[in-house]
Amino acid sequence: MTSIDAARRLDDHLWVIDTGHQGQPGVVASYLLDGPHGLGFVDVGSGATVENLLAGVRAAGFDPAQVERILLTHIHLDHAGATGALVAQAPGAQVYVHRLGAPHLIDPSRLVRSATRIYGERMNALWGEIVPVPQERLHIVDDGDEIAVGPSELRVLYTPGHAIHHVAFFDERLGYLFPGDVAGVRLEEPPLVRPPTPPPDLSLEDWYASLNRILALRPQRICLPHFGPVDEIETHISELRERLRLWS
């Protein structure tokens, strides 16, 4: 098995943390930002990989207790499942999420029941314990909001398609976009761009509109949760759009 690089520096203030999903490298990423606006995450992986996430923070040279911001693109378990456990480790951490996702972080029981219907007895091994997030630690975000974290302010973009509660975060100063799953999955070498298309609230019309919005921003780099940075953005989005069309 290929070894997992717990933390890889992308620039002076940005790290990609490999959460080591199911012991595999290069599947689920979290992004760690540091700078004058404090230490923060964009997405945090699943409840089953909390220890890997914490190890990645330490490998980057930080104490997990220093984390001040947790920005979630959406609440699917591979992106937000570790949130409650991480909040317990970081007493000052505040969580930022779209209003449609927030209730499921405060009380994840419905989300867990739904996922358990799919994964059955493998649920805990795949996703771990899903710890509730205290309501007082949650902040609702909407389109156009700005959140100071790491080196910059990140602008919130409402980007439905993959999920109705999906947002992306854009660092206009550095040109970095954290698109969550709306920008697709690219795991293989050579890379194959695929759309993650889970039910129930998949919307192709919204997804195409969100991709148009991403391209209009002209980002310099997109940081995929599955997996890693992409600089050939127009080519990537074009392939994703075409595969969405073919699959539909």
C-alpha atoms as a PDB file:
ATOM      1  CA  MET A   1       0.000   0.000   0.000  1.00  0.00           C
ATOM      2  CA  THR A   2       1.225   3.507  -0.836  1.00  0.00           C
ATOM      3  CA  SER A   3       2.149   5.484   2.289  1.00  0.00           C
ATOM      4  CA  ILE A   4      -0.025   8.410   3.330  1.00  0.00           C
ATOM      5  CA  ASP A   5       1.572  11.856   3.319  1.00  0.00           C
ATOM      6  CA  ALA A   6      -0.245  13.300   6.341  1.00  0.00           C
ATOM      7  CA  ALA A   7       0.367  16.946   5.468  1.00  0.00           C
ATOM      8  CA  ARG A   8       1.674  18.487   2.252  1.00  0.00           C
ATOM      9  CA  ARG A   9       2.402  22.175   1.981  1.00  0.00           C
ATOM     10  CA  LEU A  10       0.865  23.848  -1.081  1.00  0.00           C
ATOM     11  CA  ASP A  11       2.054  27.376  -0.348  1.00  0.00           C
ATOM     12  CA  ASP A  12       3.143  29.538   2.590  1.00  0.00           C
ATOM     13  CA  HIS A  13      -0.271  29.394   4.282  1.00  0.00           C
ATOM     14  CA  LEU A  14      -2.019  26.332   2.827  1.00  0.00           C
ATOM     15  CA  TRP A  15      -1.681  22.620   3.519  1.00  0.00           C
ATOM     16  CA  VAL A  16      -3.505  19.612   2.122  1.00  0.00           C
ATOM     17  CA  ILE A  17      -4.186  17.029   4.830  1.00  0.00           C
ATOM     18  CA  ASP A  18      -4.725  13.456   3.625  1.00  0.00           C
ATOM     19  CA  THR A  19      -7.322  11.965   5.972  1.00  0.00           C
ATOM     20  CA  GLY A  20      -6.402   8.422   4.909  1.00  0.00           C
ATOM     21  CA  HIS A  21      -9.960   7.270   4.247  1.00  0.00           C
ATOM     22  CA  GLN A  22     -10.126   3.484   4.811  1.00  0.00           C
ATOM     23  CA  GLY A  23      -6.331   3.477   4.992  1.00  0.00           C
ATOM     24  CA  GLN A  24      -6.014   4.673   1.390  1.00  0.00           C
ATOM     25  CA  PRO A  25      -3.975   7.724   0.356  1.00  0.00           C
ATOM     26  CA  GLY A  26      -5.300  10.346  -2.019  1.00  0.00           C
ATOM     27  CA  VAL A  27      -9.040   9.805  -1.497  1.00  0.00           C
ATOM     28  CA  VAL A  28     -10.373  12.382   0.991  1.00  0.00           C
ATOM     29  CA  ALA A  29      -8.577  15.681   1.605  1.00  0.00           C
ATOM     30  CA  SER A  30      -8.980  18.436   4.139  1.00  0.00           C
ATOM     31  CA  TYR A  31      -7.359  21.836   3.637  1.00  0.00           C
ATOM     32  CA  LEU A  32      -5.596  23.607   6.491  1.00  0.00           C
ATOM     33  CA  LEU A  33      -5.030  27.361   6.354  1.00  0.00           C
ATOM     34  CA  ASP A  34      -2.808  29.360   8.679  1.00  0.00           C
ATOM     35  CA  GLY A  35      -2.032  33.062   8.857  1.00  0.00           C
ATOM     36  CA  PRO A  36      -2.953  36.313  10.585  1.00  0.00           C
ATOM     37  CA  HIS A  37      -6.645  35.358  10.703  1.00  0.00           C
ATOM     38  CA  GLY A  38      -5.961  32.171  12.643  1.00  0.00           C
ATOM     39  CA  LEU A  39      -5.831  28.455  11.907  1.00  0.00           C
ATOM     40  CA  GLY A  40      -8.738  26.931  10.031  1.00  0.00           C
ATOM     41  CA  PHE A  41     -10.011  24.027   7.941  1.00  0.00           C
ATOM     42  CA  VAL A  42     -12.018  23.685   4.782  1.00  0.00           C
ATOM     43  CA  ASP A  43     -13.778  20.322   5.263  1.00  0.00           C
ATOM     44  CA  VAL A  44     -12.547  17.785   7.797  1.00  0.00           C
ATOM     45  CA  GLY A  45     -13.230  14.257   6.545  1.00  0.00           C
ATOM     46  CA  SER A  46     -15.151  11.511   8.313  1.00  0.00           C
ATOM     47  CA  GLY A  47     -15.559  10.551  11.932  1.00  0.00           C
ATOM     48  CA  ALA A  48     -13.504   7.425  11.236  1.00  0.00           C
ATOM     49  CA  THR A  49     -10.395   9.454  10.333  1.00  0.00           C
ATOM     50  CA  VAL A  50     -10.323  12.050  13.122  1.00  0.00           C
ATOM     51  CA  GLU A  51      -6.975  10.807  14.445  1.00  0.00           C
ATOM     52  CA  ASN A  52      -5.442  11.009  10.963  1.00  0.00           C
ATOM     53  CA  LEU A  53      -6.707  14.580  10.665  1.00  0.00           C
ATOM     54  CA  LEU A  54      -5.185  15.538  14.011  1.00  0.00           C
ATOM     55  CA  ALA A  55      -1.921  13.860  13.030  1.00  0.00           C
ATOM     56  CA  GLY A  56      -1.907  15.917   9.839  1.00  0.00           C
ATOM     57  CA  VAL A  57      -2.318  19.149  11.793  1.00  0.00           C
ATOM     58  CA  ARG A  58       0.623  18.203  14.006  1.00  0.00           C
ATOM     59  CA  ALA A  59       2.702  17.200  10.963  1.00  0.00           C
ATOM     60  CA  ALA A  60       2.095  20.698   9.586  1.00  0.00           C
ATOM     61  CA  GLY A  61       3.549  22.088  12.826  1.00  0.00           C
ATOM     62  CA  PHE A  62       0.398  23.111  14.681  1.00  0.00           C
ATOM     63  CA  ASP A  63      -1.534  22.075  17.774  1.00  0.00           C
ATOM     64  CA  PRO A  64      -5.120  20.994  16.961  1.00  0.00           C
ATOM     65  CA  ALA A  65      -6.281  23.097  19.926  1.00  0.00           C
ATOM     66  CA  GLN A  66      -5.268  26.170  17.876  1.00  0.00           C
ATOM     67  CA  VAL A  67      -7.981  25.596  15.245  1.00  0.00           C
ATOM     68  CA  GLU A  68     -10.368  28.564  15.182  1.00  0.00           C
ATOM     69  CA  ARG A  69     -12.476  28.049  12.040  1.00  0.00           C
ATOM     70  CA  ILE A  70     -14.023  24.983  10.422  1.00  0.00           C
ATOM     71  CA  LEU A  71     -15.589  25.801   7.045  1.00  0.00           C
ATOM     72  CA  LEU A  72     -17.782  23.079   5.573  1.00  0.00           C
ATOM     73  CA  THR A  73     -18.683  22.922   1.899  1.00  0.00           C
ATOM     74  CA  HIS A  74     -21.519  20.521   2.792  1.00  0.00           C
ATOM     75  CA  ILE A  75     -22.469  18.015   5.472  1.00  0.00           C
ATOM     76  CA  HIS A  76     -21.931  14.686   3.707  1.00  0.00           C
ATOM     77  CA  LEU A  77     -20.034  12.337   6.001  1.00  0.00           C
ATOM     78  CA  ASP A  78     -16.767  12.366   4.031  1.00  0.00           C
ATOM     79  CA  HIS A  79     -16.606  16.159   4.408  1.00  0.00           C
ATOM     80  CA  ALA A  80     -18.167  16.975   7.762  1.00  0.00           C
ATOM     81  CA  GLY A  81     -18.329  13.738   9.747  1.00  0.00           C
ATOM     82  CA  ALA A  82     -15.336  14.658  11.940  1.00  0.00           C
ATOM     83  CA  THR A  83     -16.657  18.126  12.824  1.00  0.00           C
ATOM     84  CA  GLY A  84     -18.104  17.373  16.259  1.00  0.00           C
ATOM     85  CA  ALA A  85     -15.066  15.366  17.358  1.00  0.00           C
ATOM     86  CA  LEU A  86     -12.723  18.114  16.151  1.00  0.00           C
ATOM     87  CA  VAL A  87     -14.702  20.828  17.946  1.00  0.00           C
ATOM     88  CA  ALA A  88     -14.239  18.841  21.156  1.00  0.00           C
ATOM     89  CA  GLN A  89     -10.448  18.967  20.594  1.00  0.00           C
ATOM     90  CA  ALA A  90     -10.376  22.687  19.750  1.00  0.00           C
ATOM     91  CA  PRO A  91     -12.213  24.712  22.408  1.00  0.00           C
ATOM     92  CA  GLY A  92     -12.115  27.908  20.353  1.00  0.00           C
ATOM     93  CA  ALA A  93     -13.213  26.433  17.038  1.00  0.00           C
ATOM     94  CA  GLN A  94     -16.273  27.871  15.299  1.00  0.00           C
ATOM     95  CA  VAL A  95     -18.106  26.007  12.531  1.00  0.00           C
ATOM     96  CA  TYR A  96     -19.451  27.635   9.341  1.00  0.00           C
ATOM     97  CA  VAL A  97     -22.088  25.855   7.257  1.00  0.00           C
ATOM     98  CA  HIS A  98     -25.071  26.563   5.007  1.00  0.00           C
ATOM     99  CA  ARG A  99     -28.397  26.963   6.819  1.00  0.00           C
ATOM    100  CA  LEU A 100     -29.853  23.800   5.247  1.00  0.00           C
ATOM    101  CA  GLY A 101     -27.005  21.702   6.621  1.00  0.00           C
ATOM    102  CA  ALA A 102     -26.758  23.217  10.090  1.00  0.00           C
ATOM    103  CA  PRO A 103     -29.636  21.281  11.768  1.00  0.00           C
ATOM    104  CA  HIS A 104     -27.985  17.973  10.829  1.00  0.00           C
ATOM    105  CA  LEU A 105     -24.767  18.963  12.597  1.00  0.00           C
ATOM    106  CA  ILE A 106     -26.617  19.912  15.765  1.00  0.00           C
ATOM    107  CA  ASP A 107     -28.627  16.674  15.682  1.00  0.00           C
ATOM    108  CA  PRO A 108     -27.042  14.158  13.273  1.00  0.00           C
ATOM    109  CA  SER A 109     -29.451  11.323  14.147  1.00  0.00           C
ATOM    110  CA  ARG A 110     -31.499  11.612  10.942  1.00  0.00           C
ATOM    111  CA  LEU A 111     -28.357  11.781   8.821  1.00  0.00           C
ATOM    112  CA  VAL A 112     -26.901   8.736  10.585  1.00  0.00           C
ATOM    113  CA  ARG A 113     -30.140   6.754  10.185  1.00  0.00           C
ATOM    114  CA  SER A 114     -30.255   7.520   6.480  1.00  0.00           C
ATOM    115  CA  ALA A 115     -26.619   6.516   5.948  1.00  0.00           C
ATOM    116  CA  THR A 116     -27.048   3.357   8.019  1.00  0.00           C
ATOM    117  CA  ARG A 117     -29.812   2.221   5.656  1.00  0.00           C
ATOM    118  CA  ILE A 118     -27.195   2.260   2.893  1.00  0.00           C
ATOM    119  CA  TYR A 119     -24.084   1.023   4.701  1.00  0.00           C
ATOM    120  CA  GLY A 120     -25.629  -1.269   7.315  1.00  0.00           C
ATOM    121  CA  GLU A 121     -23.119  -3.027   9.551  1.00  0.00           C
ATOM    122  CA  ARG A 122     -20.215  -1.269   7.799  1.00  0.00           C
ATOM    123  CA  MET A 123     -21.457   2.148   8.921  1.00  0.00           C
ATOM    124  CA  ASN A 124     -19.125   2.602  11.889  1.00  0.00           C
ATOM    125  CA  ALA A 125     -16.060   1.214  10.129  1.00  0.00           C
ATOM    126  CA  LEU A 126     -16.624   3.525   7.172  1.00  0.00           C
ATOM    127  CA  TRP A 127     -17.665   6.727   8.900  1.00  0.00           C
ATOM    128  CA  GLY A 128     -16.945   6.394  12.632  1.00  0.00           C
ATOM    129  CA  GLU A 129     -18.836   8.157  15.387  1.00  0.00           C
ATOM    130  CA  ILE A 130     -20.741  11.264  14.302  1.00  0.00           C
ATOM    131  CA  VAL A 131     -20.562  13.649  17.269  1.00  0.00           C
ATOM    132  CA  PRO A 132     -23.141  16.485  17.501  1.00  0.00           C
ATOM    133  CA  VAL A 133     -21.857  20.056  17.200  1.00  0.00           C
ATOM    134  CA  PRO A 134     -23.009  22.434  19.965  1.00  0.00           C
ATOM    135  CA  GLN A 135     -25.409  24.988  18.502  1.00  0.00           C
ATOM    136  CA  GLU A 136     -23.490  27.884  20.034  1.00  0.00           C
ATOM    137  CA  ARG A 137     -20.413  26.908  17.982  1.00  0.00           C
ATOM    138  CA  LEU A 138     -22.301  27.030  14.645  1.00  0.00           C
ATOM    139  CA  HIS A 139     -22.503  29.970  12.251  1.00  0.00           C
ATOM    140  CA  ILE A 140     -24.856  30.072   9.255  1.00  0.00           C
ATOM    141  CA  VAL A 141     -23.310  31.220   5.974  1.00  0.00           C
ATOM    142  CA  ASP A 142     -24.953  32.336   2.777  1.00  0.00           C
ATOM    143  CA  ASP A 143     -23.939  33.522  -0.654  1.00  0.00           C
ATOM    144  CA  GLY A 144     -21.660  36.551  -0.531  1.00  0.00           C
ATOM    145  CA  ASP A 145     -20.610  36.222   3.111  1.00  0.00           C
ATOM    146  CA  GLU A 146     -16.915  36.579   3.910  1.00  0.00           C
ATOM    147  CA  ILE A 147     -15.009  34.614   6.542  1.00  0.00           C
ATOM    148  CA  ALA A 148     -11.545  35.658   7.712  1.00  0.00           C
ATOM    149  CA  VAL A 149      -9.370  32.573   8.085  1.00  0.00           C
ATOM    150  CA  GLY A 150      -5.679  31.865   7.563  1.00  0.00           C
ATOM    151  CA  PRO A 151      -4.066  34.434   5.259  1.00  0.00           C
ATOM    152  CA  SER A 152      -7.211  35.941   3.719  1.00  0.00           C
ATOM    153  CA  GLU A 153     -10.947  36.378   3.678  1.00  0.00           C
ATOM    154  CA  LEU A 154     -12.848  33.613   1.910  1.00  0.00           C
ATOM    155  CA  ARG A 155     -16.038  34.520   0.064  1.00  0.00           C
ATOM    156  CA  VAL A 156     -18.963  32.117   0.325  1.00  0.00           C
ATOM    157  CA  LEU A 157     -20.543  30.964  -2.943  1.00  0.00           C
ATOM    158  CA  TYR A 158     -23.811  29.066  -2.944  1.00  0.00           C
ATOM    159  CA  THR A 159     -23.129  26.191  -5.371  1.00  0.00           C
ATOM    160  CA  PRO A 160     -25.985  23.658  -5.419  1.00  0.00           C
ATOM    161  CA  GLY A 161     -26.101  20.701  -7.785  1.00  0.00           C
ATOM    162  CA  HIS A 162     -24.303  18.005  -5.829  1.00  0.00           C
ATOM    163  CA  ALA A 163     -26.407  18.947  -2.778  1.00  0.00           C
ATOM    164  CA  ILE A 164     -28.881  21.704  -1.956  1.00  0.00           C
ATOM    165  CA  HIS A 165     -26.815  22.755   1.089  1.00  0.00           C
ATOM    166  CA  HIS A 166     -23.551  23.026  -0.851  1.00  0.00           C
ATOM    167  CA  VAL A 167     -21.256  26.073  -0.790  1.00  0.00           C
ATOM    168  CA  ALA A 168     -17.768  26.815  -2.080  1.00  0.00           C
ATOM    169  CA  PHE A 169     -15.161  29.192  -0.646  1.00  0.00           C
ATOM    170  CA  PHE A 170     -13.114  31.580  -2.780  1.00  0.00           C
ATOM    171  CA  ASP A 171      -9.914  33.383  -1.840  1.00  0.00           C
ATOM    172  CA  GLU A 172     -10.031  36.226  -4.330  1.00  0.00           C
ATOM    173  CA  ARG A 173      -6.653  37.612  -3.259  1.00  0.00           C
ATOM    174  CA  LEU A 174      -4.760  34.381  -3.920  1.00  0.00           C
ATOM    175  CA  GLY A 175      -7.103  33.006  -6.582  1.00  0.00           C
ATOM    176  CA  TYR A 176      -7.765  29.759  -4.717  1.00  0.00           C
ATOM    177  CA  LEU A 177     -11.180  28.113  -4.826  1.00  0.00           C
ATOM    178  CA  PHE A 178     -12.313  25.381  -2.433  1.00  0.00           C
ATOM    179  CA  PRO A 179     -15.219  23.919  -4.435  1.00  0.00           C
ATOM    180  CA  GLY A 180     -16.255  20.883  -2.387  1.00  0.00           C
ATOM    181  CA  ASP A 181     -17.806  18.202  -4.569  1.00  0.00           C
ATOM    182  CA  VAL A 182     -19.417  20.497  -7.144  1.00  0.00           C
ATOM    183  CA  ALA A 183     -16.098  20.504  -9.063  1.00  0.00           C
ATOM    184  CA  GLY A 184     -16.016  16.714  -9.225  1.00  0.00           C
ATOM    185  CA  VAL A 185     -13.653  13.889  -8.289  1.00  0.00           C
ATOM    186  CA  ARG A 186     -10.196  13.271  -9.757  1.00  0.00           C
ATOM    187  CA  LEU A 187      -8.350  10.365  -8.140  1.00  0.00           C
ATOM    188  CA  GLU A 188      -6.581   8.325 -10.783  1.00  0.00           C
ATOM    189  CA  GLU A 189      -3.350   8.757 -12.682  1.00  0.00           C
ATOM    190  CA  PRO A 190      -3.775   9.647 -15.465  1.00  0.00           C
ATOM    191  CA  PRO A 191      -6.646  11.676 -14.055  1.00  0.00           C
ATOM    192  CA  LEU A 192     -10.270  10.909 -14.861  1.00  0.00           C
ATOM    193  CA  VAL A 193     -12.760  13.583 -13.840  1.00  0.00           C
ATOM    194  CA  ARG A 194     -16.043  12.191 -12.533  1.00  0.00           C
ATOM    195  CA  PRO A 195     -19.146  13.775 -11.013  1.00  0.00           C
ATOM    196  CA  PRO A 196     -20.169  12.481  -7.562  1.00  0.00           C
ATOM    197  CA  THR A 197     -23.914  12.032  -7.976  1.00  0.00           C
ATOM    198  CA  PRO A 198     -25.588  10.862  -4.744  1.00  0.00           C
ATOM    199  CA  PRO A 199     -29.338  11.069  -4.158  1.00  0.00           C
ATOM    200  CA  PRO A 200     -31.617  12.599  -3.027  1.00  0.00           C
ATOM    201  CA  ASP A 201     -31.137  16.266  -3.977  1.00  0.00           C
ATOM    202  CA  LEU A 202     -28.963  16.027  -7.079  1.00  0.00           C
ATOM    203  CA  SER A 203     -29.847  18.749  -9.615  1.00  0.00           C
ATOM    204  CA  LEU A 204     -28.113  18.832 -12.996  1.00  0.00           C
ATOM    205  CA  GLU A 205     -29.496  22.262 -13.894  1.00  0.00           C
ATOM    206  CA  ASP A 206     -28.165  23.755 -10.664  1.00  0.00           C
ATOM    207  CA  TRP A 207     -24.864  21.917 -11.116  1.00  0.00           C
ATOM    208  CA  TYR A 208     -24.264  23.385 -14.585  1.00  0.00           C
ATOM    209  CA  ALA A 209     -25.072  26.855 -13.236  1.00  0.00           C
ATOM    210  CA  SER A 210     -22.611  26.368 -10.370  1.00  0.00           C
ATOM    211  CA  LEU A 211     -19.876  25.305 -12.805  1.00  0.00           C
ATOM    212  CA  ASN A 212     -20.523  28.407 -14.910  1.00  0.00           C
ATOM    213  CA  ARG A 213     -20.159  30.510 -11.807  1.00  0.00           C
ATOM    214  CA  ILE A 214     -16.855  28.862 -10.893  1.00  0.00           C
ATOM    215  CA  LEU A 215     -15.427  29.537 -14.350  1.00  0.00           C
ATOM    216  CA  ALA A 216     -16.600  33.161 -14.253  1.00  0.00           C
ATOM    217  CA  LEU A 217     -14.463  33.733 -11.153  1.00  0.00           C
ATOM    218  CA  ARG A 218     -11.312  32.747 -13.098  1.00  0.00           C
ATOM    219  CA  PRO A 219      -9.643  31.036 -10.123  1.00  0.00           C
ATOM    220  CA  GLN A 220      -5.931  30.246 -10.374  1.00  0.00           C
ATOM    221  CA  ARG A 221      -6.318  26.906  -8.597  1.00  0.00           C
ATOM    222  CA  ILE A 222      -9.127  24.684  -7.358  1.00  0.00           C
ATOM    223  CA  CYS A 223      -8.491  22.525  -4.295  1.00  0.00           C
ATOM    224  CA  LEU A 224     -10.458  19.297  -4.669  1.00  0.00           C
ATOM    225  CA  PRO A 225     -11.465  17.237  -1.644  1.00  0.00           C
ATOM    226  CA  HIS A 226     -11.129  14.168  -3.928  1.00  0.00           C
ATOM    227  CA  PHE A 227      -8.205  14.835  -4.451  1.00  0.00           C
ATOM    228  CA  GLY A 228      -5.743  17.677  -4.369  1.00  0.00           C
ATOM    229  CA  PRO A 229      -5.057  20.903  -6.280  1.00  0.00           C
ATOM    230  CA  VAL A 230      -5.903  21.382  -9.947  1.00  0.00           C
ATOM    231  CA  ASP A 231      -4.479  24.190 -12.084  1.00  0.00           C
ATOM    232  CA  GLU A 232      -5.878  23.175 -15.513  1.00  0.00           C
ATOM    233  CA  ILE A 233      -9.275  24.451 -14.475  1.00  0.00           C
ATOM    234  CA  GLU A 234     -11.060  24.975 -17.797  1.00  0.00           C
ATOM    235  CA  THR A 235     -10.039  21.523 -19.015  1.00  0.00           C
ATOM    236  CA  HIS A 236     -11.113  19.952 -15.730  1.00  0.00           C
ATOM    237  CA  ILE A 237     -14.520  21.661 -15.687  1.00  0.00           C
ATOM    238  CA  SER A 238     -15.115  20.879 -19.354  1.00  0.00           C
ATOM    239  CA  GLU A 239     -14.488  17.170 -18.741  1.00  0.00           C
ATOM    240  CA  LEU A 240     -16.732  17.204 -15.682  1.00  0.00           C
ATOM    241  CA  ARG A 241     -19.530  18.953 -17.592  1.00  0.00           C
ATOM    242  CA  GLU A 242     -19.313  16.458 -20.457  1.00  0.00           C
ATOM    243  CA  ARG A 243     -19.369  13.459 -18.144  1.00  0.00           C
ATOM    244  CA  LEU A 244     -22.373  14.877 -16.303  1.00  0.00           C
ATOM    245  CA  ARG A 245     -24.142  15.175 -19.651  1.00  0.00           C
ATOM    246  CA  LEU A 246     -23.237  11.610 -20.690  1.00  0.00           C
ATOM    247  CA  TRP A 247     -24.230  10.090 -17.363  1.00  0.00           C
ATOM    248  CA  SER A 248     -27.546  11.923 -17.333  1.00  0.00           C
END
